[in-house]
Amino acid sequence: MANRENNSPEEEMTVTLTLDDDRELECIVLTIFEAGGRDYIALLPTEGEESDEGEVYLYRYSEIDGEPQLDNIEDDEEYEIAADAFDEFLDEQEYDEIVGEDELDELE
């Protein structure tokens, strides 16, 4: 379902998803995160007709013999847990980028 490409640390890690209709979609790995006792991966499609602006794909993530394994999240409740955790991750990232040390000093 996914192939990890070997990239240098300076480059973004990408995976290639094979969709249900056998088309391939290259995605940037945004993050791998834990939620509800499981690991998930957030993927952002690179430019192309398949990608909607800002659409992020969430999958259950595991490694088998060192190879990444992505599985669809079939349960709505599980998806909500993963989506909420990813939203919290985004909020933390935006806060870290928006609030610099000078702004923190002003808040004190």
C-alpha atoms as a PDB file:
ATOM      1  CA  MET A   1       0.000   0.000   0.000  1.00  0.00           C
ATOM      2  CA  ALA A   2       2.858   2.402   0.724  1.00  0.00           C
ATOM      3  CA  ASN A   3       6.440   2.575  -0.364  1.00  0.00           C
ATOM      4  CA  ARG A   4       8.955   4.604   1.589  1.00  0.00           C
ATOM      5  CA  GLU A   5      11.489   6.432  -0.519  1.00  0.00           C
ATOM      6  CA  ASN A   6      15.002   6.867   0.819  1.00  0.00           C
ATOM      7  CA  ASN A   7      15.712  10.560   1.207  1.00  0.00           C
ATOM      8  CA  SER A   8      18.510  12.423   2.894  1.00  0.00           C
ATOM      9  CA  PRO A   9      17.604  13.956   6.281  1.00  0.00           C
ATOM     10  CA  GLU A  10      17.403  17.429   4.727  1.00  0.00           C
ATOM     11  CA  GLU A  11      14.669  16.364   2.320  1.00  0.00           C
ATOM     12  CA  GLU A  12      11.043  15.670   3.135  1.00  0.00           C
ATOM     13  CA  MET A  13      10.154  12.019   3.534  1.00  0.00           C
ATOM     14  CA  THR A  14       7.535  10.880   1.052  1.00  0.00           C
ATOM     15  CA  VAL A  15       5.415   7.788   0.569  1.00  0.00           C
ATOM     16  CA  THR A  16       3.552   6.631  -2.506  1.00  0.00           C
ATOM     17  CA  LEU A  17       0.006   5.473  -1.850  1.00  0.00           C
ATOM     18  CA  THR A  18      -1.729   3.081  -4.194  1.00  0.00           C
ATOM     19  CA  LEU A  19      -5.382   4.110  -4.304  1.00  0.00           C
ATOM     20  CA  ASP A  20      -8.371   1.784  -4.701  1.00  0.00           C
ATOM     21  CA  ASP A  21      -8.401   2.418  -8.460  1.00  0.00           C
ATOM     22  CA  ASP A  22      -4.675   1.490  -8.682  1.00  0.00           C
ATOM     23  CA  ARG A  23      -3.556   5.096  -9.246  1.00  0.00           C
ATOM     24  CA  GLU A  24      -0.491   6.149  -7.306  1.00  0.00           C
ATOM     25  CA  LEU A  25      -0.419   9.288  -5.191  1.00  0.00           C
ATOM     26  CA  GLU A  26       2.807  10.708  -3.790  1.00  0.00           C
ATOM     27  CA  CYS A  27       2.447  12.236  -0.326  1.00  0.00           C
ATOM     28  CA  ILE A  28       4.704  14.101   2.076  1.00  0.00           C
ATOM     29  CA  VAL A  29       4.912  12.617   5.569  1.00  0.00           C
ATOM     30  CA  LEU A  30       3.816  15.397   7.923  1.00  0.00           C
ATOM     31  CA  THR A  31       4.185  13.459  11.160  1.00  0.00           C
ATOM     32  CA  ILE A  32       3.812  10.117  12.879  1.00  0.00           C
ATOM     33  CA  PHE A  33       1.935  10.475  16.155  1.00  0.00           C
ATOM     34  CA  GLU A  34       0.334   8.440  18.930  1.00  0.00           C
ATOM     35  CA  ALA A  35      -3.348   8.585  19.844  1.00  0.00           C
ATOM     36  CA  GLY A  36      -5.459   6.221  21.892  1.00  0.00           C
ATOM     37  CA  GLY A  37      -2.602   3.742  22.288  1.00  0.00           C
ATOM     38  CA  ARG A  38      -1.965   3.421  18.530  1.00  0.00           C
ATOM     39  CA  ASP A  39       0.380   5.096  16.061  1.00  0.00           C
ATOM     40  CA  TYR A  40      -0.918   7.093  13.114  1.00  0.00           C
ATOM     41  CA  ILE A  41       0.642   8.869  10.164  1.00  0.00           C
ATOM     42  CA  ALA A  42      -0.490  12.142   8.571  1.00  0.00           C
ATOM     43  CA  LEU A  43       0.155  12.505   4.840  1.00  0.00           C
ATOM     44  CA  LEU A  44      -0.195  15.543   2.604  1.00  0.00           C
ATOM     45  CA  PRO A  45      -0.563  14.801  -1.119  1.00  0.00           C
ATOM     46  CA  THR A  46       1.910  16.592  -3.354  1.00  0.00           C
ATOM     47  CA  GLU A  47       0.448  18.721  -6.115  1.00  0.00           C
ATOM     48  CA  GLY A  48      -1.782  16.984  -8.618  1.00  0.00           C
ATOM     49  CA  GLU A  49      -5.374  16.483  -9.615  1.00  0.00           C
ATOM     50  CA  GLU A  50      -5.946  14.000  -6.782  1.00  0.00           C
ATOM     51  CA  SER A  51      -4.967  16.464  -4.070  1.00  0.00           C
ATOM     52  CA  ASP A  52      -7.366  18.992  -2.656  1.00  0.00           C
ATOM     53  CA  GLU A  53      -5.851  22.128  -1.141  1.00  0.00           C
ATOM     54  CA  GLY A  54      -4.735  21.247   2.384  1.00  0.00           C
ATOM     55  CA  GLU A  55      -6.318  17.799   2.427  1.00  0.00           C
ATOM     56  CA  VAL A  56      -4.494  15.504   4.845  1.00  0.00           C
ATOM     57  CA  TYR A  57      -4.797  11.722   4.880  1.00  0.00           C
ATOM     58  CA  LEU A  58      -4.644   9.860   8.190  1.00  0.00           C
ATOM     59  CA  TYR A  59      -3.711   6.174   8.373  1.00  0.00           C
ATOM     60  CA  ARG A  60      -2.970   3.708  11.128  1.00  0.00           C
ATOM     61  CA  TYR A  61       0.832   3.244  11.169  1.00  0.00           C
ATOM     62  CA  SER A  62       3.020   0.335  12.218  1.00  0.00           C
ATOM     63  CA  GLU A  63       6.328  -1.211  11.243  1.00  0.00           C
ATOM     64  CA  ILE A  64       6.717  -4.870  10.349  1.00  0.00           C
ATOM     65  CA  ASP A  65      10.316  -6.078  10.080  1.00  0.00           C
ATOM     66  CA  GLY A  66      11.433  -2.448   9.785  1.00  0.00           C
ATOM     67  CA  GLU A  67       9.069  -1.719   6.884  1.00  0.00           C
ATOM     68  CA  PRO A  68       6.289   0.852   7.327  1.00  0.00           C
ATOM     69  CA  GLN A  69       2.746  -0.503   7.164  1.00  0.00           C
ATOM     70  CA  LEU A  70      -0.245   1.794   6.603  1.00  0.00           C
ATOM     71  CA  ASP A  71      -3.792   0.626   7.271  1.00  0.00           C
ATOM     72  CA  ASN A  72      -7.077   2.390   6.672  1.00  0.00           C
ATOM     73  CA  ILE A  73      -8.950   3.626   9.720  1.00  0.00           C
ATOM     74  CA  GLU A  74     -12.320   1.912   9.325  1.00  0.00           C
ATOM     75  CA  ASP A  75     -13.993   2.980  12.580  1.00  0.00           C
ATOM     76  CA  ASP A  76     -15.464   6.503  12.869  1.00  0.00           C
ATOM     77  CA  GLU A  77     -14.675   6.704  16.591  1.00  0.00           C
ATOM     78  CA  GLU A  78     -11.043   5.709  15.997  1.00  0.00           C
ATOM     79  CA  TYR A  79     -10.785   8.248  13.165  1.00  0.00           C
ATOM     80  CA  GLU A  80     -12.084  11.009  15.468  1.00  0.00           C
ATOM     81  CA  ILE A  81      -9.452  10.111  18.084  1.00  0.00           C
ATOM     82  CA  ALA A  82      -6.689  10.275  15.455  1.00  0.00           C
ATOM     83  CA  ALA A  83      -8.047  13.485  13.881  1.00  0.00           C
ATOM     84  CA  ASP A  84      -8.320  15.221  17.274  1.00  0.00           C
ATOM     85  CA  ALA A  85      -4.728  14.251  18.144  1.00  0.00           C
ATOM     86  CA  PHE A  86      -3.520  15.540  14.764  1.00  0.00           C
ATOM     87  CA  ASP A  87      -5.412  18.819  15.302  1.00  0.00           C
ATOM     88  CA  GLU A  88      -3.670  19.195  18.676  1.00  0.00           C
ATOM     89  CA  PHE A  89      -0.320  18.577  16.952  1.00  0.00           C
ATOM     90  CA  LEU A  90      -1.116  21.315  14.410  1.00  0.00           C
ATOM     91  CA  ASP A  91      -2.156  23.727  17.164  1.00  0.00           C
ATOM     92  CA  GLU A  92       1.142  23.127  18.985  1.00  0.00           C
ATOM     93  CA  GLN A  93       3.135  23.639  15.773  1.00  0.00           C
ATOM     94  CA  GLU A  94       1.322  26.883  14.946  1.00  0.00           C
ATOM     95  CA  TYR A  95       1.758  28.136  18.498  1.00  0.00           C
ATOM     96  CA  ASP A  96       5.486  27.400  18.377  1.00  0.00           C
ATOM     97  CA  GLU A  97       5.821  29.212  15.035  1.00  0.00           C
ATOM     98  CA  ILE A  98       3.615  32.181  15.927  1.00  0.00           C
ATOM     99  CA  VAL A  99       4.804  32.845  19.469  1.00  0.00           C
ATOM    100  CA  GLY A 100       8.476  33.751  19.592  1.00  0.00           C
ATOM    101  CA  GLU A 101      10.496  34.500  22.702  1.00  0.00           C
ATOM    102  CA  ASP A 102       9.757  38.250  22.461  1.00  0.00           C
ATOM    103  CA  GLU A 103       6.033  37.586  22.477  1.00  0.00           C
ATOM    104  CA  LEU A 104       6.387  35.214  25.435  1.00  0.00           C
ATOM    105  CA  ASP A 105       8.226  37.971  27.348  1.00  0.00           C
ATOM    106  CA  GLU A 106       5.353  40.356  26.647  1.00  0.00           C
ATOM    107  CA  LEU A 107       2.838  37.850  28.062  1.00  0.00           C
ATOM    108  CA  GLU A 108       4.659  37.588  31.389  1.00  0.00           C
END
